[in-house]
């Protein structure tokens, strides 16, 4: 390890995913001298077009949306200090049940072995010490997030000599009610979740606090995370976060949480550092 820097690889589905769930750790570890590698699996073409126009509506040009989101992603990477951006270039599959799920070239319809082989090549090139992606449900059931988990798991199986620590992004159920309160404060339509923090109208997401293994304080980098999300402001789902302003955003989003699913260091849990046991 002396001949190379510690390396964090984050595997995400779409442009802007890197900012919402891992913007803080990408910025923090880049500032600490860790080499940061972002792998974005799709082109984001099923995102919003100008004026918030949705896929299938008049004025939605998937190619133009993908080009814009690529530019936004590059800005976000500069803000967060990401050293290397790798785009696999699969077509955005849209939400579960959309026709785009099965369109030619969509990420969801791509054989896992194909995506895993490409990701394994990147792992062998960068030799990450820590790999971060989504859980098996893609955090909230998005097909591209689920597929990112699948190809990451398969790529790790193809590269057994690397043995990085592996984490899945998550959110503590304890913050779901607070999140809903802040959303309503800023005018979003969000019903209070059930007592355990789970909204019955949504796919399961988040975990009870006691099941979260790793809590990383990224408060100092809240402004960078906010600015990275601001770079993706073409996407209407981000507008709520931006409406808060940096201070409230950092208050709500200043700790990023993970579940450690593979470890060879023996680092004690709970952790406060993805690189615990590695330095």
C-alpha atoms as a PDB file:
ATOM      1  CA  UNK A   1       0.000   0.000   0.000  1.00  0.00           C
ATOM      2  CA  UNK A   2       3.015   2.295   0.456  1.00  0.00           C
ATOM      3  CA  UNK A   3       3.331   2.815  -3.292  1.00  0.00           C
ATOM      4  CA  UNK A   4      -0.217   4.074  -3.774  1.00  0.00           C
ATOM      5  CA  UNK A   5      -2.717   6.229  -1.897  1.00  0.00           C
ATOM      6  CA  UNK A   6      -5.669   4.878   0.009  1.00  0.00           C
ATOM      7  CA  UNK A   7      -8.557   4.749  -2.458  1.00  0.00           C
ATOM      8  CA  UNK A   8     -12.305   5.138  -2.111  1.00  0.00           C
ATOM      9  CA  UNK A   9     -14.533   3.935  -4.966  1.00  0.00           C
ATOM     10  CA  UNK A  10     -18.204   4.935  -4.977  1.00  0.00           C
ATOM     11  CA  UNK A  11     -20.462   3.121  -7.457  1.00  0.00           C
ATOM     12  CA  UNK A  12     -23.595   5.109  -8.272  1.00  0.00           C
ATOM     13  CA  UNK A  13     -26.450   4.784 -10.715  1.00  0.00           C
ATOM     14  CA  UNK A  14     -27.077   8.309 -12.039  1.00  0.00           C
ATOM     15  CA  UNK A  15     -25.516  11.753 -12.181  1.00  0.00           C
ATOM     16  CA  UNK A  16     -26.443  13.473  -8.863  1.00  0.00           C
ATOM     17  CA  UNK A  17     -26.556  10.277  -6.784  1.00  0.00           C
ATOM     18  CA  UNK A  18     -22.956  10.899  -5.781  1.00  0.00           C
ATOM     19  CA  UNK A  19     -23.934  14.203  -4.163  1.00  0.00           C
ATOM     20  CA  UNK A  20     -27.001  13.129  -2.210  1.00  0.00           C
ATOM     21  CA  UNK A  21     -25.721  10.036  -0.426  1.00  0.00           C
ATOM     22  CA  UNK A  22     -21.927  10.272  -0.563  1.00  0.00           C
ATOM     23  CA  UNK A  23     -21.079  13.910  -1.288  1.00  0.00           C
ATOM     24  CA  UNK A  24     -19.837  14.377   2.243  1.00  0.00           C
ATOM     25  CA  UNK A  25     -17.517  11.379   2.340  1.00  0.00           C
ATOM     26  CA  UNK A  26     -16.171  12.079  -1.152  1.00  0.00           C
ATOM     27  CA  UNK A  27     -15.297  15.635  -0.116  1.00  0.00           C
ATOM     28  CA  UNK A  28     -13.960  14.649   3.314  1.00  0.00           C
ATOM     29  CA  UNK A  29     -11.701  11.878   2.138  1.00  0.00           C
ATOM     30  CA  UNK A  30     -10.444  13.840  -0.854  1.00  0.00           C
ATOM     31  CA  UNK A  31      -9.426  16.593   1.589  1.00  0.00           C
ATOM     32  CA  UNK A  32      -7.625  13.981   3.699  1.00  0.00           C
ATOM     33  CA  UNK A  33      -5.533  12.849   0.733  1.00  0.00           C
ATOM     34  CA  UNK A  34      -7.522   9.736  -0.137  1.00  0.00           C
ATOM     35  CA  UNK A  35      -7.829   9.066  -3.858  1.00  0.00           C
ATOM     36  CA  UNK A  36     -11.522   9.218  -4.775  1.00  0.00           C
ATOM     37  CA  UNK A  37     -13.018   7.349  -7.724  1.00  0.00           C
ATOM     38  CA  UNK A  38     -16.635   7.806  -8.805  1.00  0.00           C
ATOM     39  CA  UNK A  39     -18.240   5.248 -11.090  1.00  0.00           C
ATOM     40  CA  UNK A  40     -21.555   6.425 -12.566  1.00  0.00           C
ATOM     41  CA  UNK A  41     -23.395   3.628 -14.320  1.00  0.00           C
ATOM     42  CA  UNK A  42     -26.025   5.427 -16.437  1.00  0.00           C
ATOM     43  CA  UNK A  43     -26.380   8.537 -18.541  1.00  0.00           C
ATOM     44  CA  UNK A  44     -29.305   9.962 -16.552  1.00  0.00           C
ATOM     45  CA  UNK A  45     -31.408  10.433 -19.704  1.00  0.00           C
ATOM     46  CA  UNK A  46     -34.651   9.708 -17.819  1.00  0.00           C
ATOM     47  CA  UNK A  47     -34.135  12.753 -15.651  1.00  0.00           C
ATOM     48  CA  UNK A  48     -35.950  16.046 -15.971  1.00  0.00           C
ATOM     49  CA  UNK A  49     -35.567  18.188 -19.054  1.00  0.00           C
ATOM     50  CA  UNK A  50     -35.606  22.007 -19.105  1.00  0.00           C
ATOM     51  CA  UNK A  51     -38.417  23.406 -16.997  1.00  0.00           C
ATOM     52  CA  UNK A  52     -38.903  20.096 -15.226  1.00  0.00           C
ATOM     53  CA  UNK A  53     -40.377  18.344 -18.257  1.00  0.00           C
ATOM     54  CA  UNK A  54     -40.615  14.602 -17.631  1.00  0.00           C
ATOM     55  CA  UNK A  55     -39.740  11.667 -19.908  1.00  0.00           C
ATOM     56  CA  UNK A  56     -42.509  11.096 -22.438  1.00  0.00           C
ATOM     57  CA  UNK A  57     -43.755  14.673 -22.241  1.00  0.00           C
ATOM     58  CA  UNK A  58     -43.401  17.148 -25.093  1.00  0.00           C
ATOM     59  CA  UNK A  59     -40.008  18.785 -25.043  1.00  0.00           C
ATOM     60  CA  UNK A  60     -38.142  15.978 -23.299  1.00  0.00           C
ATOM     61  CA  UNK A  61     -35.043  15.152 -25.347  1.00  0.00           C
ATOM     62  CA  UNK A  62     -33.218  12.226 -23.705  1.00  0.00           C
ATOM     63  CA  UNK A  63     -29.947  12.885 -25.531  1.00  0.00           C
ATOM     64  CA  UNK A  64     -29.954  16.542 -24.498  1.00  0.00           C
ATOM     65  CA  UNK A  65     -30.802  15.620 -20.905  1.00  0.00           C
ATOM     66  CA  UNK A  66     -27.930  13.120 -20.817  1.00  0.00           C
ATOM     67  CA  UNK A  67     -25.486  15.701 -22.195  1.00  0.00           C
ATOM     68  CA  UNK A  68     -26.567  18.307 -19.648  1.00  0.00           C
ATOM     69  CA  UNK A  69     -26.360  15.861 -16.776  1.00  0.00           C
ATOM     70  CA  UNK A  70     -22.853  14.839 -17.824  1.00  0.00           C
ATOM     71  CA  UNK A  71     -21.770  18.486 -17.588  1.00  0.00           C
ATOM     72  CA  UNK A  72     -23.451  18.843 -14.206  1.00  0.00           C
ATOM     73  CA  UNK A  73     -21.724  15.700 -12.984  1.00  0.00           C
ATOM     74  CA  UNK A  74     -18.335  17.014 -14.012  1.00  0.00           C
ATOM     75  CA  UNK A  75     -18.973  20.227 -12.045  1.00  0.00           C
ATOM     76  CA  UNK A  76     -20.076  18.211  -9.011  1.00  0.00           C
ATOM     77  CA  UNK A  77     -16.889  16.153  -9.179  1.00  0.00           C
ATOM     78  CA  UNK A  78     -14.760  19.288  -9.207  1.00  0.00           C
ATOM     79  CA  UNK A  79     -16.631  20.662  -6.199  1.00  0.00           C
ATOM     80  CA  UNK A  80     -16.206  17.419  -4.236  1.00  0.00           C
ATOM     81  CA  UNK A  81     -12.588  16.923  -5.260  1.00  0.00           C
ATOM     82  CA  UNK A  82     -13.222  13.613  -7.017  1.00  0.00           C
ATOM     83  CA  UNK A  83      -9.986  12.472  -8.608  1.00  0.00           C
ATOM     84  CA  UNK A  84     -11.379  10.112 -11.231  1.00  0.00           C
ATOM     85  CA  UNK A  85     -14.818   9.957 -12.868  1.00  0.00           C
ATOM     86  CA  UNK A  86     -15.661   6.780 -14.766  1.00  0.00           C
ATOM     87  CA  UNK A  87     -18.959   6.571 -16.661  1.00  0.00           C
ATOM     88  CA  UNK A  88     -20.130   3.144 -17.780  1.00  0.00           C
ATOM     89  CA  UNK A  89     -22.596   4.846 -20.139  1.00  0.00           C
ATOM     90  CA  UNK A  90     -25.597   2.557 -19.836  1.00  0.00           C
ATOM     91  CA  UNK A  91     -28.983   4.011 -20.715  1.00  0.00           C
ATOM     92  CA  UNK A  92     -31.008   5.251 -17.753  1.00  0.00           C
ATOM     93  CA  UNK A  93     -33.726   2.682 -16.988  1.00  0.00           C
ATOM     94  CA  UNK A  94     -36.198   5.096 -15.399  1.00  0.00           C
ATOM     95  CA  UNK A  95     -38.354   4.150 -12.442  1.00  0.00           C
ATOM     96  CA  UNK A  96     -39.484   0.579 -11.815  1.00  0.00           C
ATOM     97  CA  UNK A  97     -42.182  -0.421 -14.302  1.00  0.00           C
ATOM     98  CA  UNK A  98     -41.323   2.194 -16.937  1.00  0.00           C
ATOM     99  CA  UNK A  99     -40.919   1.051 -20.559  1.00  0.00           C
ATOM    100  CA  UNK A 100     -37.331   2.310 -20.340  1.00  0.00           C
ATOM    101  CA  UNK A 101     -36.557  -0.633 -18.039  1.00  0.00           C
ATOM    102  CA  UNK A 102     -36.394  -2.928 -21.055  1.00  0.00           C
ATOM    103  CA  UNK A 103     -35.218  -0.519 -23.750  1.00  0.00           C
ATOM    104  CA  UNK A 104     -32.128  -1.604 -25.699  1.00  0.00           C
ATOM    105  CA  UNK A 105     -28.998  -0.671 -23.796  1.00  0.00           C
ATOM    106  CA  UNK A 106     -30.775   0.090 -20.524  1.00  0.00           C
ATOM    107  CA  UNK A 107     -28.814  -0.665 -17.389  1.00  0.00           C
ATOM    108  CA  UNK A 108     -31.636  -2.756 -15.925  1.00  0.00           C
ATOM    109  CA  UNK A 109     -31.730  -5.026 -18.962  1.00  0.00           C
ATOM    110  CA  UNK A 110     -27.939  -5.420 -19.132  1.00  0.00           C
ATOM    111  CA  UNK A 111     -26.690  -8.848 -18.008  1.00  0.00           C
ATOM    112  CA  UNK A 112     -25.109  -8.500 -14.587  1.00  0.00           C
ATOM    113  CA  UNK A 113     -22.031 -10.384 -15.796  1.00  0.00           C
ATOM    114  CA  UNK A 114     -21.412  -7.766 -18.496  1.00  0.00           C
ATOM    115  CA  UNK A 115     -21.599  -4.806 -16.144  1.00  0.00           C
ATOM    116  CA  UNK A 116     -19.589  -6.650 -13.502  1.00  0.00           C
ATOM    117  CA  UNK A 117     -16.769  -7.406 -15.914  1.00  0.00           C
ATOM    118  CA  UNK A 118     -16.414  -3.725 -16.799  1.00  0.00           C
ATOM    119  CA  UNK A 119     -16.541  -2.668 -13.172  1.00  0.00           C
ATOM    120  CA  UNK A 120     -14.039  -5.369 -12.205  1.00  0.00           C
ATOM    121  CA  UNK A 121     -11.604  -3.907 -14.746  1.00  0.00           C
ATOM    122  CA  UNK A 122     -11.928  -0.540 -13.004  1.00  0.00           C
ATOM    123  CA  UNK A 123     -11.412  -2.147  -9.622  1.00  0.00           C
ATOM    124  CA  UNK A 124      -8.245  -3.800 -10.842  1.00  0.00           C
ATOM    125  CA  UNK A 125      -7.038  -0.485 -12.245  1.00  0.00           C
ATOM    126  CA  UNK A 126      -7.714   1.598  -9.126  1.00  0.00           C
ATOM    127  CA  UNK A 127      -7.445  -1.140  -6.447  1.00  0.00           C
ATOM    128  CA  UNK A 128      -9.884   0.480  -3.990  1.00  0.00           C
ATOM    129  CA  UNK A 129      -9.470   0.021  -0.253  1.00  0.00           C
ATOM    130  CA  UNK A 130     -13.113   0.963   0.311  1.00  0.00           C
ATOM    131  CA  UNK A 131     -16.070   0.407  -2.029  1.00  0.00           C
ATOM    132  CA  UNK A 132     -19.441   2.075  -1.461  1.00  0.00           C
ATOM    133  CA  UNK A 133     -22.697   1.346  -3.283  1.00  0.00           C
ATOM    134  CA  UNK A 134     -26.395   0.756  -2.525  1.00  0.00           C
ATOM    135  CA  UNK A 135     -28.074  -2.099  -0.678  1.00  0.00           C
ATOM    136  CA  UNK A 136     -29.860  -4.951  -2.446  1.00  0.00           C
ATOM    137  CA  UNK A 137     -33.061  -2.875  -2.677  1.00  0.00           C
ATOM    138  CA  UNK A 138     -31.202   0.052  -4.228  1.00  0.00           C
ATOM    139  CA  UNK A 139     -32.120   2.054  -1.092  1.00  0.00           C
ATOM    140  CA  UNK A 140     -35.650   2.718  -2.364  1.00  0.00           C
ATOM    141  CA  UNK A 141     -36.323   0.171  -5.095  1.00  0.00           C
ATOM    142  CA  UNK A 142     -34.949   2.036  -8.113  1.00  0.00           C
ATOM    143  CA  UNK A 143     -33.960  -0.487 -10.800  1.00  0.00           C
ATOM    144  CA  UNK A 144     -30.671   1.206 -11.652  1.00  0.00           C
ATOM    145  CA  UNK A 145     -29.689   1.359  -7.987  1.00  0.00           C
ATOM    146  CA  UNK A 146     -30.502  -2.327  -7.592  1.00  0.00           C
ATOM    147  CA  UNK A 147     -28.446  -3.117 -10.676  1.00  0.00           C
ATOM    148  CA  UNK A 148     -25.527  -1.069  -9.317  1.00  0.00           C
ATOM    149  CA  UNK A 149     -25.578  -3.253  -6.213  1.00  0.00           C
ATOM    150  CA  UNK A 150     -25.690  -6.398  -8.317  1.00  0.00           C
ATOM    151  CA  UNK A 151     -22.787  -5.529 -10.596  1.00  0.00           C
ATOM    152  CA  UNK A 152     -20.704  -4.296  -7.654  1.00  0.00           C
ATOM    153  CA  UNK A 153     -21.271  -7.539  -5.765  1.00  0.00           C
ATOM    154  CA  UNK A 154     -20.411  -9.564  -8.858  1.00  0.00           C
ATOM    155  CA  UNK A 155     -17.345  -7.436  -9.635  1.00  0.00           C
ATOM    156  CA  UNK A 156     -16.029  -7.982  -6.116  1.00  0.00           C
ATOM    157  CA  UNK A 157     -16.410 -11.727  -6.637  1.00  0.00           C
ATOM    158  CA  UNK A 158     -14.320 -11.393  -9.791  1.00  0.00           C
ATOM    159  CA  UNK A 159     -11.518  -9.593  -7.915  1.00  0.00           C
ATOM    160  CA  UNK A 160     -10.979 -11.668  -4.758  1.00  0.00           C
ATOM    161  CA  UNK A 161      -7.383 -10.555  -4.305  1.00  0.00           C
ATOM    162  CA  UNK A 162      -8.437  -6.946  -3.685  1.00  0.00           C
ATOM    163  CA  UNK A 163     -10.572  -7.528  -0.542  1.00  0.00           C
ATOM    164  CA  UNK A 164     -11.669  -3.929   0.106  1.00  0.00           C
ATOM    165  CA  UNK A 165     -13.968  -2.924   2.902  1.00  0.00           C
ATOM    166  CA  UNK A 166     -17.477  -2.739   1.392  1.00  0.00           C
ATOM    167  CA  UNK A 167     -20.330  -0.503   2.482  1.00  0.00           C
ATOM    168  CA  UNK A 168     -23.938   0.085   1.507  1.00  0.00           C
ATOM    169  CA  UNK A 169     -25.451   3.551   1.839  1.00  0.00           C
ATOM    170  CA  UNK A 170     -28.416   3.856   4.183  1.00  0.00           C
ATOM    171  CA  UNK A 171     -30.309   6.304   6.383  1.00  0.00           C
ATOM    172  CA  UNK A 172     -31.279   6.001  10.052  1.00  0.00           C
ATOM    173  CA  UNK A 173     -35.017   5.634  10.595  1.00  0.00           C
ATOM    174  CA  UNK A 174     -34.683   8.132  13.452  1.00  0.00           C
ATOM    175  CA  UNK A 175     -34.056  10.910  10.963  1.00  0.00           C
ATOM    176  CA  UNK A 176     -37.023  10.115   8.714  1.00  0.00           C
ATOM    177  CA  UNK A 177     -39.524  11.985  10.878  1.00  0.00           C
ATOM    178  CA  UNK A 178     -37.179  14.970  11.185  1.00  0.00           C
ATOM    179  CA  UNK A 179     -36.666  14.884   7.438  1.00  0.00           C
ATOM    180  CA  UNK A 180     -40.437  14.962   6.910  1.00  0.00           C
ATOM    181  CA  UNK A 181     -40.816  17.893   9.278  1.00  0.00           C
ATOM    182  CA  UNK A 182     -38.222  19.921   7.392  1.00  0.00           C
ATOM    183  CA  UNK A 183     -39.736  18.996   4.032  1.00  0.00           C
ATOM    184  CA  UNK A 184     -43.156  20.240   5.143  1.00  0.00           C
ATOM    185  CA  UNK A 185     -41.564  23.384   6.525  1.00  0.00           C
ATOM    186  CA  UNK A 186     -40.269  24.160   3.054  1.00  0.00           C
ATOM    187  CA  UNK A 187     -43.545  23.348   1.317  1.00  0.00           C
ATOM    188  CA  UNK A 188     -43.043  19.752   0.213  1.00  0.00           C
ATOM    189  CA  UNK A 189     -45.941  17.289   0.333  1.00  0.00           C
ATOM    190  CA  UNK A 190     -44.714  14.667   2.804  1.00  0.00           C
ATOM    191  CA  UNK A 191     -46.871  12.752   5.224  1.00  0.00           C
ATOM    192  CA  UNK A 192     -45.474  11.866   8.635  1.00  0.00           C
ATOM    193  CA  UNK A 193     -43.933   8.383   8.562  1.00  0.00           C
ATOM    194  CA  UNK A 194     -44.945   5.537  10.802  1.00  0.00           C
ATOM    195  CA  UNK A 195     -43.415   5.465  14.324  1.00  0.00           C
ATOM    196  CA  UNK A 196     -40.554   3.277  13.115  1.00  0.00           C
ATOM    197  CA  UNK A 197     -39.744   5.860  10.465  1.00  0.00           C
ATOM    198  CA  UNK A 198     -41.053   3.894   7.488  1.00  0.00           C
ATOM    199  CA  UNK A 199     -43.671   5.423   5.184  1.00  0.00           C
ATOM    200  CA  UNK A 200     -46.041   2.557   4.241  1.00  0.00           C
ATOM    201  CA  UNK A 201     -46.602   4.090   0.799  1.00  0.00           C
ATOM    202  CA  UNK A 202     -42.933   3.742  -0.120  1.00  0.00           C
ATOM    203  CA  UNK A 203     -40.653   0.740  -0.654  1.00  0.00           C
ATOM    204  CA  UNK A 204     -38.637  -0.107   2.460  1.00  0.00           C
ATOM    205  CA  UNK A 205     -35.676   2.197   2.951  1.00  0.00           C
ATOM    206  CA  UNK A 206     -33.376   3.134   5.765  1.00  0.00           C
ATOM    207  CA  UNK A 207     -32.619   1.078   8.860  1.00  0.00           C
ATOM    208  CA  UNK A 208     -33.181   1.203  12.591  1.00  0.00           C
ATOM    209  CA  UNK A 209     -30.337   3.137  14.175  1.00  0.00           C
ATOM    210  CA  UNK A 210     -28.918   0.069  15.901  1.00  0.00           C
ATOM    211  CA  UNK A 211     -28.396  -1.698  12.557  1.00  0.00           C
ATOM    212  CA  UNK A 212     -26.262   1.100  11.115  1.00  0.00           C
ATOM    213  CA  UNK A 213     -22.594   0.243  11.503  1.00  0.00           C
ATOM    214  CA  UNK A 214     -20.883   3.402  10.319  1.00  0.00           C
ATOM    215  CA  UNK A 215     -21.625   7.079  11.024  1.00  0.00           C
ATOM    216  CA  UNK A 216     -19.318   9.535   9.257  1.00  0.00           C
ATOM    217  CA  UNK A 217     -19.401  13.189  10.315  1.00  0.00           C
ATOM    218  CA  UNK A 218     -19.134  15.321   7.184  1.00  0.00           C
ATOM    219  CA  UNK A 219     -20.486  18.543   8.704  1.00  0.00           C
ATOM    220  CA  UNK A 220     -17.366  20.505   7.803  1.00  0.00           C
ATOM    221  CA  UNK A 221     -18.017  19.636   4.157  1.00  0.00           C
ATOM    222  CA  UNK A 222     -21.736  20.442   4.180  1.00  0.00           C
ATOM    223  CA  UNK A 223     -21.188  23.490   1.985  1.00  0.00           C
ATOM    224  CA  UNK A 224     -19.384  21.437  -0.641  1.00  0.00           C
ATOM    225  CA  UNK A 225     -22.098  18.795  -0.593  1.00  0.00           C
ATOM    226  CA  UNK A 226     -24.713  21.519  -1.033  1.00  0.00           C
ATOM    227  CA  UNK A 227     -22.776  23.049  -3.931  1.00  0.00           C
ATOM    228  CA  UNK A 228     -22.382  19.632  -5.557  1.00  0.00           C
ATOM    229  CA  UNK A 229     -26.134  19.180  -5.415  1.00  0.00           C
ATOM    230  CA  UNK A 230     -26.564  22.716  -6.732  1.00  0.00           C
ATOM    231  CA  UNK A 231     -24.565  21.650  -9.779  1.00  0.00           C
ATOM    232  CA  UNK A 232     -27.414  19.196 -10.510  1.00  0.00           C
ATOM    233  CA  UNK A 233     -30.155  21.814 -10.179  1.00  0.00           C
ATOM    234  CA  UNK A 234     -31.735  20.826 -13.515  1.00  0.00           C
ATOM    235  CA  UNK A 235     -33.315  17.945 -11.606  1.00  0.00           C
ATOM    236  CA  UNK A 236     -36.453  19.127  -9.823  1.00  0.00           C
ATOM    237  CA  UNK A 237     -36.134  16.544  -7.056  1.00  0.00           C
ATOM    238  CA  UNK A 238     -33.037  18.410  -5.877  1.00  0.00           C
ATOM    239  CA  UNK A 239     -34.803  21.762  -5.556  1.00  0.00           C
ATOM    240  CA  UNK A 240     -36.170  20.935  -2.103  1.00  0.00           C
ATOM    241  CA  UNK A 241     -32.681  20.420  -0.717  1.00  0.00           C
ATOM    242  CA  UNK A 242     -31.431  23.619  -2.300  1.00  0.00           C
ATOM    243  CA  UNK A 243     -34.357  25.579  -0.904  1.00  0.00           C
ATOM    244  CA  UNK A 244     -33.110  24.909   2.633  1.00  0.00           C
ATOM    245  CA  UNK A 245     -29.915  26.906   2.222  1.00  0.00           C
ATOM    246  CA  UNK A 246     -26.487  25.668   3.232  1.00  0.00           C
ATOM    247  CA  UNK A 247     -26.909  25.948   7.003  1.00  0.00           C
ATOM    248  CA  UNK A 248     -30.157  23.975   7.279  1.00  0.00           C
ATOM    249  CA  UNK A 249     -28.980  21.516   4.645  1.00  0.00           C
ATOM    250  CA  UNK A 250     -25.825  20.795   6.623  1.00  0.00           C
ATOM    251  CA  UNK A 251     -27.825  20.452   9.824  1.00  0.00           C
ATOM    252  CA  UNK A 252     -29.978  17.755   8.238  1.00  0.00           C
ATOM    253  CA  UNK A 253     -27.428  16.099   5.963  1.00  0.00           C
ATOM    254  CA  UNK A 254     -24.155  16.528   7.879  1.00  0.00           C
ATOM    255  CA  UNK A 255     -23.714  12.863   8.832  1.00  0.00           C
ATOM    256  CA  UNK A 256     -23.602  10.105   6.209  1.00  0.00           C
ATOM    257  CA  UNK A 257     -24.467   6.593   7.303  1.00  0.00           C
ATOM    258  CA  UNK A 258     -23.558   3.149   6.001  1.00  0.00           C
ATOM    259  CA  UNK A 259     -23.769  -0.549   6.663  1.00  0.00           C
ATOM    260  CA  UNK A 260     -20.454  -2.370   6.543  1.00  0.00           C
ATOM    261  CA  UNK A 261     -20.999  -5.612   4.633  1.00  0.00           C
ATOM    262  CA  UNK A 262     -17.397  -6.756   4.211  1.00  0.00           C
ATOM    263  CA  UNK A 263     -14.331  -6.162   6.328  1.00  0.00           C
ATOM    264  CA  UNK A 264     -10.880  -7.681   6.671  1.00  0.00           C
ATOM    265  CA  UNK A 265      -9.493  -5.187   9.205  1.00  0.00           C
ATOM    266  CA  UNK A 266     -11.323  -6.196  12.363  1.00  0.00           C
ATOM    267  CA  UNK A 267     -12.184  -2.540  13.052  1.00  0.00           C
ATOM    268  CA  UNK A 268     -14.628  -2.265  15.939  1.00  0.00           C
ATOM    269  CA  UNK A 269     -18.250  -1.277  15.336  1.00  0.00           C
ATOM    270  CA  UNK A 270     -19.822   1.199  15.284  1.00  0.00           C
ATOM    271  CA  UNK A 271     -17.324   3.076  13.145  1.00  0.00           C
ATOM    272  CA  UNK A 272     -16.890   6.797  12.548  1.00  0.00           C
ATOM    273  CA  UNK A 273     -14.544   6.366   9.596  1.00  0.00           C
ATOM    274  CA  UNK A 274     -14.849   4.268   6.425  1.00  0.00           C
ATOM    275  CA  UNK A 275     -11.078   3.750   6.608  1.00  0.00           C
ATOM    276  CA  UNK A 276     -11.023   2.528  10.207  1.00  0.00           C
ATOM    277  CA  UNK A 277      -8.442  -0.227  10.452  1.00  0.00           C
ATOM    278  CA  UNK A 278      -6.696   0.892   7.258  1.00  0.00           C
ATOM    279  CA  UNK A 279      -4.655   3.793   8.618  1.00  0.00           C
END
